[in-house]
Amino acid sequence: MELREMRAYVAVVEEGGLSAAARRLHVSQPALSQQMSALERELGVDLLTRSSTGVRPTEAGRTLLSEARAVLARYDRAMSAVDRHTAPGGSLLRLGVPLELPGDLLSRSVAALAAPFPETRVRPRHLSTADQFVALDRGELDVGLVREHPVGGGLDASLVVAEPLGVLVTADFAALVGGPAGARLQDLVGLHWVGFPRSASPAWYDEVTAILRSHGLDLGPAAPAGQELIPDVKFTAVTSGRAFALAPPDWAQPVPASIRWLPLVGRPLVRRTWAVWPASSRRRDLGALVAALEAYGGHNDNEEPAGKV
């Protein structure tokens, strides 16, 4: 059982309903409902009694609520204790990071921050977009890199990078459909998409799946909530010859000899990453880091892909 699952369960009980908890966690209600059902299956007990007026914890659920609150409080105290060991006069910036950022985005941005703020340390933490919004709301992150623009006025946002996505397919399939300009989405009909779980980034997932469906593509089986779409998962599925995966042109992962990366004609899918931070923040070092992220060169909506995996 992961911390994010504990936080989600506590939110559901405290809010007394899935809709309110979903708004608090910045996730969709169906995704949260699936997560609670999966948690009950994992633990082998009913945690919630559901009715038309909301939800309430069962006896087992009340036990979990008490223990989860204790674990989360202990975790928060531990993180605060570690933060006190920051170098004298220095500061700590807690940065949320998704999978598949351009290889030198963080290193170049942190290096640019070091000149004006040499005592500021950046602590990256890998989290999905949805989990970053939760962590920002709870004050556990100072800035996040997310795949969708935040809704509402609590967070400021700035576009950092826009990556036109291509596809990973087998070398044999690439030889059949790949032209001088790459492949068309409709050329992939017959293959299913190796996708990420919707709970990780609902708005970006909906955008991707709408475009794929509009070209007649099979979405394949839904990825389980919490599953990381790491390179090995993509490669294994693609190598079967029955699937394709999406990847940016400057993906840092080495690709097996049996797989090829192809650009997509017309650039129908552009993955955007925003830096987001609390609108109330007045930290100068945070502002400098955001400026460094914005200044990262070579990635914007008007550029053609610079290379390929």
C-alpha atoms as a PDB file:
ATOM      1  CA  MET A   1       0.000   0.000   0.000  1.00  0.00           C
ATOM      2  CA  GLU A   2       1.515   3.307  -1.131  1.00  0.00           C
ATOM      3  CA  LEU A   3       1.411   6.732   0.511  1.00  0.00           C
ATOM      4  CA  ARG A   4      -0.676   8.164  -2.315  1.00  0.00           C
ATOM      5  CA  GLU A   5      -3.274   5.422  -1.764  1.00  0.00           C
ATOM      6  CA  MET A   6      -3.371   6.251   1.936  1.00  0.00           C
ATOM      7  CA  ARG A   7      -3.816   9.953   1.169  1.00  0.00           C
ATOM      8  CA  ALA A   8      -6.600   9.185  -1.301  1.00  0.00           C
ATOM      9  CA  TYR A   9      -8.435   6.965   1.193  1.00  0.00           C
ATOM     10  CA  VAL A  10      -8.131   9.542   3.975  1.00  0.00           C
ATOM     11  CA  ALA A  11      -9.472  12.235   1.625  1.00  0.00           C
ATOM     12  CA  VAL A  12     -12.496  10.099   0.689  1.00  0.00           C
ATOM     13  CA  VAL A  13     -13.388   9.478   4.334  1.00  0.00           C
ATOM     14  CA  GLU A  14     -12.768  13.080   5.409  1.00  0.00           C
ATOM     15  CA  GLU A  15     -14.816  14.510   2.540  1.00  0.00           C
ATOM     16  CA  GLY A  16     -17.573  11.937   2.981  1.00  0.00           C
ATOM     17  CA  GLY A  17     -17.913  11.313  -0.733  1.00  0.00           C
ATOM     18  CA  LEU A  18     -15.997  10.519  -3.891  1.00  0.00           C
ATOM     19  CA  SER A  19     -16.902  13.696  -5.773  1.00  0.00           C
ATOM     20  CA  ALA A  20     -15.603  16.050  -3.090  1.00  0.00           C
ATOM     21  CA  ALA A  21     -12.513  13.918  -2.536  1.00  0.00           C
ATOM     22  CA  ALA A  22     -11.809  13.844  -6.288  1.00  0.00           C
ATOM     23  CA  ARG A  23     -11.916  17.648  -6.406  1.00  0.00           C
ATOM     24  CA  ARG A  24      -9.552  17.845  -3.433  1.00  0.00           C
ATOM     25  CA  LEU A  25      -7.130  15.392  -5.037  1.00  0.00           C
ATOM     26  CA  HIS A  26      -7.415  16.879  -8.557  1.00  0.00           C
ATOM     27  CA  VAL A  27      -8.406  13.526 -10.072  1.00  0.00           C
ATOM     28  CA  SER A  28     -11.557  12.281 -11.777  1.00  0.00           C
ATOM     29  CA  GLN A  29     -14.290  10.644  -9.715  1.00  0.00           C
ATOM     30  CA  PRO A  30     -14.246   7.393 -11.774  1.00  0.00           C
ATOM     31  CA  ALA A  31     -10.471   7.098 -11.323  1.00  0.00           C
ATOM     32  CA  LEU A  32     -10.775   7.630  -7.576  1.00  0.00           C
ATOM     33  CA  SER A  33     -13.631   5.122  -7.339  1.00  0.00           C
ATOM     34  CA  GLN A  34     -11.514   2.549  -9.183  1.00  0.00           C
ATOM     35  CA  GLN A  35      -8.600   3.256  -6.863  1.00  0.00           C
ATOM     36  CA  MET A  36     -10.756   2.660  -3.773  1.00  0.00           C
ATOM     37  CA  SER A  37     -12.142  -0.581  -5.227  1.00  0.00           C
ATOM     38  CA  ALA A  38      -8.627  -1.735  -6.091  1.00  0.00           C
ATOM     39  CA  LEU A  39      -7.494  -0.941  -2.545  1.00  0.00           C
ATOM     40  CA  GLU A  40     -10.336  -3.010  -1.096  1.00  0.00           C
ATOM     41  CA  ARG A  41      -9.403  -5.923  -3.353  1.00  0.00           C
ATOM     42  CA  GLU A  42      -5.741  -5.573  -2.379  1.00  0.00           C
ATOM     43  CA  LEU A  43      -6.540  -5.658   1.349  1.00  0.00           C
ATOM     44  CA  GLY A  44      -9.348  -8.220   1.041  1.00  0.00           C
ATOM     45  CA  VAL A  45     -11.858  -6.195   3.077  1.00  0.00           C
ATOM     46  CA  ASP A  46     -14.637  -3.665   2.527  1.00  0.00           C
ATOM     47  CA  LEU A  47     -13.359  -0.257   3.593  1.00  0.00           C
ATOM     48  CA  LEU A  48     -16.325   1.924   2.628  1.00  0.00           C
ATOM     49  CA  THR A  49     -20.081   1.696   2.846  1.00  0.00           C
ATOM     50  CA  ARG A  50     -21.475   3.452  -0.220  1.00  0.00           C
ATOM     51  CA  SER A  51     -24.920   5.043  -0.421  1.00  0.00           C
ATOM     52  CA  SER A  52     -26.745   7.751  -2.355  1.00  0.00           C
ATOM     53  CA  THR A  53     -25.707  10.283   0.300  1.00  0.00           C
ATOM     54  CA  GLY A  54     -22.001   9.507   0.212  1.00  0.00           C
ATOM     55  CA  VAL A  55     -19.600   7.065   1.806  1.00  0.00           C
ATOM     56  CA  ARG A  56     -18.625   6.163   5.335  1.00  0.00           C
ATOM     57  CA  PRO A  57     -15.911   3.833   6.617  1.00  0.00           C
ATOM     58  CA  THR A  58     -16.631   0.300   7.735  1.00  0.00           C
ATOM     59  CA  GLU A  59     -15.088  -1.014  10.943  1.00  0.00           C
ATOM     60  CA  ALA A  60     -12.055  -2.141   8.938  1.00  0.00           C
ATOM     61  CA  GLY A  61     -12.081   1.223   7.215  1.00  0.00           C
ATOM     62  CA  ARG A  62     -11.970   3.092  10.534  1.00  0.00           C
ATOM     63  CA  THR A  63      -8.975   0.999  11.557  1.00  0.00           C
ATOM     64  CA  LEU A  64      -7.205   1.843   8.292  1.00  0.00           C
ATOM     65  CA  LEU A  65      -8.117   5.524   8.662  1.00  0.00           C
ATOM     66  CA  SER A  66      -6.465   5.731  12.063  1.00  0.00           C
ATOM     67  CA  GLU A  67      -3.337   3.895  10.922  1.00  0.00           C
ATOM     68  CA  ALA A  68      -3.083   5.804   7.637  1.00  0.00           C
ATOM     69  CA  ARG A  69      -3.293   9.149   9.405  1.00  0.00           C
ATOM     70  CA  ALA A  70      -0.533   8.050  11.778  1.00  0.00           C
ATOM     71  CA  VAL A  71       1.704   6.872   8.911  1.00  0.00           C
ATOM     72  CA  LEU A  72       1.162  10.062   6.910  1.00  0.00           C
ATOM     73  CA  ALA A  73       1.822  12.253   9.934  1.00  0.00           C
ATOM     74  CA  ARG A  74       5.027  10.323  10.637  1.00  0.00           C
ATOM     75  CA  TYR A  75       6.098  10.706   7.004  1.00  0.00           C
ATOM     76  CA  ASP A  76       5.439  14.457   7.050  1.00  0.00           C
ATOM     77  CA  ARG A  77       7.419  14.815  10.306  1.00  0.00           C
ATOM     78  CA  ALA A  78      10.295  12.849   8.793  1.00  0.00           C
ATOM     79  CA  MET A  79      10.415  15.091   5.714  1.00  0.00           C
ATOM     80  CA  SER A  80      10.333  18.207   7.905  1.00  0.00           C
ATOM     81  CA  ALA A  81      13.156  16.818  10.045  1.00  0.00           C
ATOM     82  CA  VAL A  82      15.303  16.160   6.984  1.00  0.00           C
ATOM     83  CA  ASP A  83      14.613  19.654   5.682  1.00  0.00           C
ATOM     84  CA  ARG A  84      16.168  21.111   8.851  1.00  0.00           C
ATOM     85  CA  HIS A  85      19.522  19.700   7.723  1.00  0.00           C
ATOM     86  CA  THR A  86      19.682  22.098   4.802  1.00  0.00           C
ATOM     87  CA  ALA A  87      23.031  23.920   4.740  1.00  0.00           C
ATOM     88  CA  PRO A  88      23.143  27.046   6.958  1.00  0.00           C
ATOM     89  CA  GLY A  89      21.757  30.008   5.093  1.00  0.00           C
ATOM     90  CA  GLY A  90      20.549  27.774   2.274  1.00  0.00           C
ATOM     91  CA  SER A  91      17.125  26.807   1.002  1.00  0.00           C
ATOM     92  CA  LEU A  92      15.455  23.714  -0.345  1.00  0.00           C
ATOM     93  CA  LEU A  93      13.263  23.623  -3.450  1.00  0.00           C
ATOM     94  CA  ARG A  94      11.133  20.495  -3.671  1.00  0.00           C
ATOM     95  CA  LEU A  95      10.511  19.749  -7.340  1.00  0.00           C
ATOM     96  CA  GLY A  96       7.998  17.274  -8.755  1.00  0.00           C
ATOM     97  CA  VAL A  97       9.259  15.444 -11.840  1.00  0.00           C
ATOM     98  CA  PRO A  98       7.332  13.218 -14.308  1.00  0.00           C
ATOM     99  CA  LEU A  99       8.734  10.450 -16.465  1.00  0.00           C
ATOM    100  CA  GLU A 100      10.380  11.243 -19.811  1.00  0.00           C
ATOM    101  CA  LEU A 101      11.676  14.774 -19.488  1.00  0.00           C
ATOM    102  CA  PRO A 102      14.289  15.921 -22.028  1.00  0.00           C
ATOM    103  CA  GLY A 103      17.593  14.567 -20.760  1.00  0.00           C
ATOM    104  CA  ASP A 104      19.298  17.869 -19.936  1.00  0.00           C
ATOM    105  CA  LEU A 105      16.290  19.964 -18.920  1.00  0.00           C
ATOM    106  CA  LEU A 106      16.830  19.554 -15.187  1.00  0.00           C
ATOM    107  CA  SER A 107      20.631  19.646 -15.216  1.00  0.00           C
ATOM    108  CA  ARG A 108      20.756  22.846 -17.268  1.00  0.00           C
ATOM    109  CA  SER A 109      18.030  24.544 -15.244  1.00  0.00           C
ATOM    110  CA  VAL A 110      19.553  23.620 -11.869  1.00  0.00           C
ATOM    111  CA  ALA A 111      22.964  24.774 -13.092  1.00  0.00           C
ATOM    112  CA  ALA A 112      21.461  28.117 -14.116  1.00  0.00           C
ATOM    113  CA  LEU A 113      19.905  28.458 -10.656  1.00  0.00           C
ATOM    114  CA  ALA A 114      23.238  27.837  -8.928  1.00  0.00           C
ATOM    115  CA  ALA A 115      24.772  31.113 -10.065  1.00  0.00           C
ATOM    116  CA  PRO A 116      22.296  33.535  -8.422  1.00  0.00           C
ATOM    117  CA  PHE A 117      21.346  31.158  -5.583  1.00  0.00           C
ATOM    118  CA  PRO A 118      24.369  28.942  -4.777  1.00  0.00           C
ATOM    119  CA  GLU A 119      22.944  27.826  -1.418  1.00  0.00           C
ATOM    120  CA  THR A 120      19.609  26.616  -2.791  1.00  0.00           C
ATOM    121  CA  ARG A 121      19.345  22.857  -3.212  1.00  0.00           C
ATOM    122  CA  VAL A 122      16.818  21.272  -5.566  1.00  0.00           C
ATOM    123  CA  ARG A 123      15.316  17.979  -4.433  1.00  0.00           C
ATOM    124  CA  PRO A 124      13.529  16.234  -7.323  1.00  0.00           C
ATOM    125  CA  ARG A 125      10.761  13.782  -6.525  1.00  0.00           C
ATOM    126  CA  HIS A 126       9.218  11.523  -9.138  1.00  0.00           C
ATOM    127  CA  LEU A 127       5.413  11.862  -9.139  1.00  0.00           C
ATOM    128  CA  SER A 128       2.633  11.673 -11.704  1.00  0.00           C
ATOM    129  CA  THR A 129       0.815  14.863 -12.669  1.00  0.00           C
ATOM    130  CA  ALA A 130      -2.176  14.027 -10.465  1.00  0.00           C
ATOM    131  CA  ASP A 131       0.054  13.229  -7.478  1.00  0.00           C
ATOM    132  CA  GLN A 132       1.982  16.464  -7.975  1.00  0.00           C
ATOM    133  CA  PHE A 133      -1.218  18.501  -7.780  1.00  0.00           C
ATOM    134  CA  VAL A 134      -2.046  16.765  -4.506  1.00  0.00           C
ATOM    135  CA  ALA A 135       1.464  17.391  -3.141  1.00  0.00           C
ATOM    136  CA  LEU A 136       1.347  21.062  -4.157  1.00  0.00           C
ATOM    137  CA  ASP A 137      -2.020  21.445  -2.437  1.00  0.00           C
ATOM    138  CA  ARG A 138      -0.604  19.897   0.742  1.00  0.00           C
ATOM    139  CA  GLY A 139       2.543  22.032   0.688  1.00  0.00           C
ATOM    140  CA  GLU A 140       4.789  19.017   0.034  1.00  0.00           C
ATOM    141  CA  LEU A 141       6.182  20.471  -3.219  1.00  0.00           C
ATOM    142  CA  ASP A 142       7.360  23.970  -4.062  1.00  0.00           C
ATOM    143  CA  VAL A 143       7.125  23.549  -7.821  1.00  0.00           C
ATOM    144  CA  GLY A 144       6.033  20.757 -10.142  1.00  0.00           C
ATOM    145  CA  LEU A 145       6.504  19.747 -13.772  1.00  0.00           C
ATOM    146  CA  VAL A 146       3.136  18.496 -14.989  1.00  0.00           C
ATOM    147  CA  ARG A 147       1.472  17.388 -18.233  1.00  0.00           C
ATOM    148  CA  GLU A 148      -1.667  19.511 -17.953  1.00  0.00           C
ATOM    149  CA  HIS A 149      -2.425  23.132 -17.137  1.00  0.00           C
ATOM    150  CA  PRO A 150      -3.903  23.558 -13.639  1.00  0.00           C
ATOM    151  CA  VAL A 151      -7.499  24.684 -13.264  1.00  0.00           C
ATOM    152  CA  GLY A 152      -8.395  27.495 -10.872  1.00  0.00           C
ATOM    153  CA  GLY A 153      -6.445  30.339  -9.349  1.00  0.00           C
ATOM    154  CA  GLY A 154      -4.436  28.563  -6.672  1.00  0.00           C
ATOM    155  CA  LEU A 155      -1.508  27.713  -8.917  1.00  0.00           C
ATOM    156  CA  ASP A 156       0.519  29.721 -11.409  1.00  0.00           C
ATOM    157  CA  ALA A 157       1.814  27.947 -14.495  1.00  0.00           C
ATOM    158  CA  SER A 158       4.324  28.479 -17.277  1.00  0.00           C
ATOM    159  CA  LEU A 159       4.882  26.329 -20.359  1.00  0.00           C
ATOM    160  CA  VAL A 160       8.369  24.800 -20.210  1.00  0.00           C
ATOM    161  CA  VAL A 161       8.601  22.378 -23.106  1.00  0.00           C
ATOM    162  CA  ALA A 162       6.446  21.081 -25.968  1.00  0.00           C
ATOM    163  CA  GLU A 163       7.469  17.791 -27.546  1.00  0.00           C
ATOM    164  CA  PRO A 164       5.932  16.470 -30.790  1.00  0.00           C
ATOM    165  CA  LEU A 165       5.527  12.774 -30.129  1.00  0.00           C
ATOM    166  CA  GLY A 166       6.440  10.004 -32.520  1.00  0.00           C
ATOM    167  CA  VAL A 167       5.829   6.269 -32.311  1.00  0.00           C
ATOM    168  CA  LEU A 168       7.856   3.216 -31.390  1.00  0.00           C
ATOM    169  CA  VAL A 169       7.093   0.219 -33.615  1.00  0.00           C
ATOM    170  CA  THR A 170       8.930  -2.894 -34.716  1.00  0.00           C
ATOM    171  CA  ALA A 171      11.581  -2.473 -37.396  1.00  0.00           C
ATOM    172  CA  ASP A 172       9.550  -4.649 -39.785  1.00  0.00           C
ATOM    173  CA  PHE A 173       6.422  -2.533 -39.306  1.00  0.00           C
ATOM    174  CA  ALA A 174       8.439   0.680 -39.717  1.00  0.00           C
ATOM    175  CA  ALA A 175       9.722  -0.566 -43.070  1.00  0.00           C
ATOM    176  CA  LEU A 176       6.118  -1.011 -44.244  1.00  0.00           C
ATOM    177  CA  VAL A 177       4.583   2.314 -43.133  1.00  0.00           C
ATOM    178  CA  GLY A 178       7.467   4.726 -42.644  1.00  0.00           C
ATOM    179  CA  GLY A 179       7.820   7.315 -45.410  1.00  0.00           C
ATOM    180  CA  PRO A 180      10.219  10.261 -45.760  1.00  0.00           C
ATOM    181  CA  ALA A 181       8.063  12.338 -43.391  1.00  0.00           C
ATOM    182  CA  GLY A 182       7.378   9.471 -40.973  1.00  0.00           C
ATOM    183  CA  ALA A 183       4.172   7.557 -40.316  1.00  0.00           C
ATOM    184  CA  ARG A 184       0.545   8.639 -40.238  1.00  0.00           C
ATOM    185  CA  LEU A 185      -1.576   7.753 -37.239  1.00  0.00           C
ATOM    186  CA  GLN A 186      -4.035   5.880 -39.431  1.00  0.00           C
ATOM    187  CA  ASP A 187      -1.160   3.653 -40.609  1.00  0.00           C
ATOM    188  CA  LEU A 188      -1.121   2.178 -37.108  1.00  0.00           C
ATOM    189  CA  VAL A 189      -4.637   0.714 -37.323  1.00  0.00           C
ATOM    190  CA  GLY A 190      -4.403  -2.895 -36.189  1.00  0.00           C
ATOM    191  CA  LEU A 191      -1.946  -2.130 -33.394  1.00  0.00           C
ATOM    192  CA  HIS A 192      -3.037  -1.164 -29.889  1.00  0.00           C
ATOM    193  CA  TRP A 193      -1.605   1.708 -27.897  1.00  0.00           C
ATOM    194  CA  VAL A 194       0.660   1.031 -24.927  1.00  0.00           C
ATOM    195  CA  GLY A 195      -0.862   3.717 -22.727  1.00  0.00           C
ATOM    196  CA  PHE A 196      -0.387   5.183 -19.282  1.00  0.00           C
ATOM    197  CA  PRO A 197      -3.160   5.028 -16.637  1.00  0.00           C
ATOM    198  CA  ARG A 198      -5.721   7.816 -16.841  1.00  0.00           C
ATOM    199  CA  SER A 199      -5.357   8.467 -13.122  1.00  0.00           C
ATOM    200  CA  ALA A 200      -1.794   9.708 -13.700  1.00  0.00           C
ATOM    201  CA  SER A 201      -2.867  12.701 -15.822  1.00  0.00           C
ATOM    202  CA  PRO A 202      -6.585  12.743 -16.693  1.00  0.00           C
ATOM    203  CA  ALA A 203      -6.649  15.760 -19.038  1.00  0.00           C
ATOM    204  CA  TRP A 204      -3.581  14.659 -21.027  1.00  0.00           C
ATOM    205  CA  TYR A 205      -4.904  11.081 -21.215  1.00  0.00           C
ATOM    206  CA  ASP A 206      -8.247  12.323 -22.549  1.00  0.00           C
ATOM    207  CA  GLU A 207      -6.502  14.456 -25.163  1.00  0.00           C
ATOM    208  CA  VAL A 208      -4.327  11.561 -26.368  1.00  0.00           C
ATOM    209  CA  THR A 209      -7.132   9.026 -26.497  1.00  0.00           C
ATOM    210  CA  ALA A 210      -9.486  11.409 -28.323  1.00  0.00           C
ATOM    211  CA  ILE A 211      -6.889  11.943 -31.069  1.00  0.00           C
ATOM    212  CA  LEU A 212      -6.108   8.236 -31.338  1.00  0.00           C
ATOM    213  CA  ARG A 213      -9.790   7.307 -31.539  1.00  0.00           C
ATOM    214  CA  SER A 214     -10.403   9.967 -34.202  1.00  0.00           C
ATOM    215  CA  HIS A 215      -7.880   8.127 -36.386  1.00  0.00           C
ATOM    216  CA  GLY A 216      -9.507   4.742 -35.816  1.00  0.00           C
ATOM    217  CA  LEU A 217      -6.874   3.363 -33.453  1.00  0.00           C
ATOM    218  CA  ASP A 218      -7.353   0.680 -30.818  1.00  0.00           C
ATOM    219  CA  LEU A 219      -6.583   1.886 -27.305  1.00  0.00           C
ATOM    220  CA  GLY A 220      -5.955  -1.627 -26.029  1.00  0.00           C
ATOM    221  CA  PRO A 221      -6.452  -2.685 -22.406  1.00  0.00           C
ATOM    222  CA  ALA A 222      -6.516   0.128 -19.862  1.00  0.00           C
ATOM    223  CA  ALA A 223      -3.318   0.472 -17.865  1.00  0.00           C
ATOM    224  CA  PRO A 224      -3.870  -0.255 -14.158  1.00  0.00           C
ATOM    225  CA  ALA A 225      -3.825   2.762 -11.837  1.00  0.00           C
ATOM    226  CA  GLY A 226      -0.359   3.274 -10.433  1.00  0.00           C
ATOM    227  CA  GLN A 227       1.435   1.398 -13.209  1.00  0.00           C
ATOM    228  CA  GLU A 228       4.576   3.181 -14.344  1.00  0.00           C
ATOM    229  CA  LEU A 229       4.978   3.307 -18.122  1.00  0.00           C
ATOM    230  CA  ILE A 230       8.733   2.715 -17.960  1.00  0.00           C
ATOM    231  CA  PRO A 231      10.758   2.020 -21.131  1.00  0.00           C
ATOM    232  CA  ASP A 232      10.925  -1.742 -20.534  1.00  0.00           C
ATOM    233  CA  VAL A 233       7.110  -1.902 -20.460  1.00  0.00           C
ATOM    234  CA  LYS A 234       6.935  -0.096 -23.805  1.00  0.00           C
ATOM    235  CA  PHE A 235       9.664  -2.202 -25.403  1.00  0.00           C
ATOM    236  CA  THR A 236       8.143  -5.499 -24.312  1.00  0.00           C
ATOM    237  CA  ALA A 237       4.727  -4.616 -25.704  1.00  0.00           C
ATOM    238  CA  VAL A 238       6.066  -3.150 -28.956  1.00  0.00           C
ATOM    239  CA  THR A 239       8.379  -6.109 -29.611  1.00  0.00           C
ATOM    240  CA  SER A 240       5.336  -8.385 -29.726  1.00  0.00           C
ATOM    241  CA  GLY A 241       4.424  -6.754 -33.053  1.00  0.00           C
ATOM    242  CA  ARG A 242       0.876  -6.005 -31.910  1.00  0.00           C
ATOM    243  CA  ALA A 243       1.369  -2.640 -30.223  1.00  0.00           C
ATOM    244  CA  PHE A 244       2.855   0.829 -30.590  1.00  0.00           C
ATOM    245  CA  ALA A 245       4.067   3.292 -27.980  1.00  0.00           C
ATOM    246  CA  LEU A 246       4.499   7.057 -28.019  1.00  0.00           C
ATOM    247  CA  ALA A 247       7.875   8.690 -27.419  1.00  0.00           C
ATOM    248  CA  PRO A 248       9.453  12.122 -27.993  1.00  0.00           C
ATOM    249  CA  PRO A 249      12.118  12.710 -30.653  1.00  0.00           C
ATOM    250  CA  ASP A 250      14.964  13.262 -28.196  1.00  0.00           C
ATOM    251  CA  TRP A 251      14.072  10.412 -25.852  1.00  0.00           C
ATOM    252  CA  ALA A 252      17.157   9.551 -23.810  1.00  0.00           C
ATOM    253  CA  GLN A 253      16.443   5.816 -23.598  1.00  0.00           C
ATOM    254  CA  PRO A 254      18.482   3.411 -25.788  1.00  0.00           C
ATOM    255  CA  VAL A 255      16.130   1.578 -28.132  1.00  0.00           C
ATOM    256  CA  PRO A 256      16.531  -2.142 -28.949  1.00  0.00           C
ATOM    257  CA  ALA A 257      17.664  -2.976 -32.487  1.00  0.00           C
ATOM    258  CA  SER A 258      14.299  -4.583 -33.228  1.00  0.00           C
ATOM    259  CA  ILE A 259      12.406  -1.317 -32.623  1.00  0.00           C
ATOM    260  CA  ARG A 260      12.296   1.925 -34.599  1.00  0.00           C
ATOM    261  CA  TRP A 261      11.149   5.438 -33.733  1.00  0.00           C
ATOM    262  CA  LEU A 262       9.127   7.247 -36.411  1.00  0.00           C
ATOM    263  CA  PRO A 263       7.880  10.850 -36.413  1.00  0.00           C
ATOM    264  CA  LEU A 264       4.162  11.353 -36.938  1.00  0.00           C
ATOM    265  CA  VAL A 265       3.096  13.229 -40.069  1.00  0.00           C
ATOM    266  CA  GLY A 266       1.442  16.518 -39.161  1.00  0.00           C
ATOM    267  CA  ARG A 267       2.525  16.335 -35.521  1.00  0.00           C
ATOM    268  CA  PRO A 268      -0.948  15.393 -34.240  1.00  0.00           C
ATOM    269  CA  LEU A 269       0.287  14.780 -30.682  1.00  0.00           C
ATOM    270  CA  VAL A 270       2.306  17.405 -28.837  1.00  0.00           C
ATOM    271  CA  ARG A 271       3.103  16.681 -25.199  1.00  0.00           C
ATOM    272  CA  ARG A 272       3.396  19.867 -23.161  1.00  0.00           C
ATOM    273  CA  THR A 273       5.031  20.178 -19.759  1.00  0.00           C
ATOM    274  CA  TRP A 274       4.202  23.104 -17.483  1.00  0.00           C
ATOM    275  CA  ALA A 275       6.015  24.347 -14.426  1.00  0.00           C
ATOM    276  CA  VAL A 276       3.385  24.982 -11.732  1.00  0.00           C
ATOM    277  CA  TRP A 277       3.781  26.532  -8.290  1.00  0.00           C
ATOM    278  CA  PRO A 278       1.573  28.117  -5.594  1.00  0.00           C
ATOM    279  CA  ALA A 279       0.319  31.518  -6.746  1.00  0.00           C
ATOM    280  CA  SER A 280       1.016  32.865  -3.250  1.00  0.00           C
ATOM    281  CA  SER A 281       4.743  32.006  -3.386  1.00  0.00           C
ATOM    282  CA  ARG A 282       7.170  34.919  -3.276  1.00  0.00           C
ATOM    283  CA  ARG A 283      10.405  32.902  -3.252  1.00  0.00           C
ATOM    284  CA  ARG A 284      13.041  34.491  -5.452  1.00  0.00           C
ATOM    285  CA  ASP A 285      14.929  31.223  -5.935  1.00  0.00           C
ATOM    286  CA  LEU A 286      11.743  29.529  -7.123  1.00  0.00           C
ATOM    287  CA  GLY A 287      11.230  32.359  -9.605  1.00  0.00           C
ATOM    288  CA  ALA A 288      14.790  31.909 -10.826  1.00  0.00           C
ATOM    289  CA  LEU A 289      14.302  28.174 -11.307  1.00  0.00           C
ATOM    290  CA  VAL A 290      11.086  28.731 -13.266  1.00  0.00           C
ATOM    291  CA  ALA A 291      12.888  31.304 -15.438  1.00  0.00           C
ATOM    292  CA  ALA A 292      15.663  28.782 -16.085  1.00  0.00           C
ATOM    293  CA  LEU A 293      13.106  26.132 -17.027  1.00  0.00           C
ATOM    294  CA  GLU A 294      11.388  28.590 -19.385  1.00  0.00           C
ATOM    295  CA  ALA A 295      14.711  29.417 -21.001  1.00  0.00           C
ATOM    296  CA  TYR A 296      15.398  25.802 -21.891  1.00  0.00           C
ATOM    297  CA  GLY A 297      16.008  26.018 -25.631  1.00  0.00           C
ATOM    298  CA  GLY A 298      14.999  23.992 -28.639  1.00  0.00           C
ATOM    299  CA  HIS A 299      11.518  22.858 -27.592  1.00  0.00           C
ATOM    300  CA  ASN A 300       8.423  24.811 -28.555  1.00  0.00           C
ATOM    301  CA  ASP A 301       5.252  24.302 -30.549  1.00  0.00           C
ATOM    302  CA  ASN A 302       6.633  26.024 -33.641  1.00  0.00           C
ATOM    303  CA  GLU A 303       9.759  23.928 -34.070  1.00  0.00           C
ATOM    304  CA  GLU A 304      10.183  20.772 -36.033  1.00  0.00           C
ATOM    305  CA  PRO A 305      11.596  17.752 -34.190  1.00  0.00           C
ATOM    306  CA  ALA A 306      15.331  18.128 -33.751  1.00  0.00           C
ATOM    307  CA  GLY A 307      16.162  14.429 -33.946  1.00  0.00           C
ATOM    308  CA  LYS A 308      14.930  10.967 -33.240  1.00  0.00           C
ATOM    309  CA  VAL A 309      15.588   8.030 -30.979  1.00  0.00           C
END
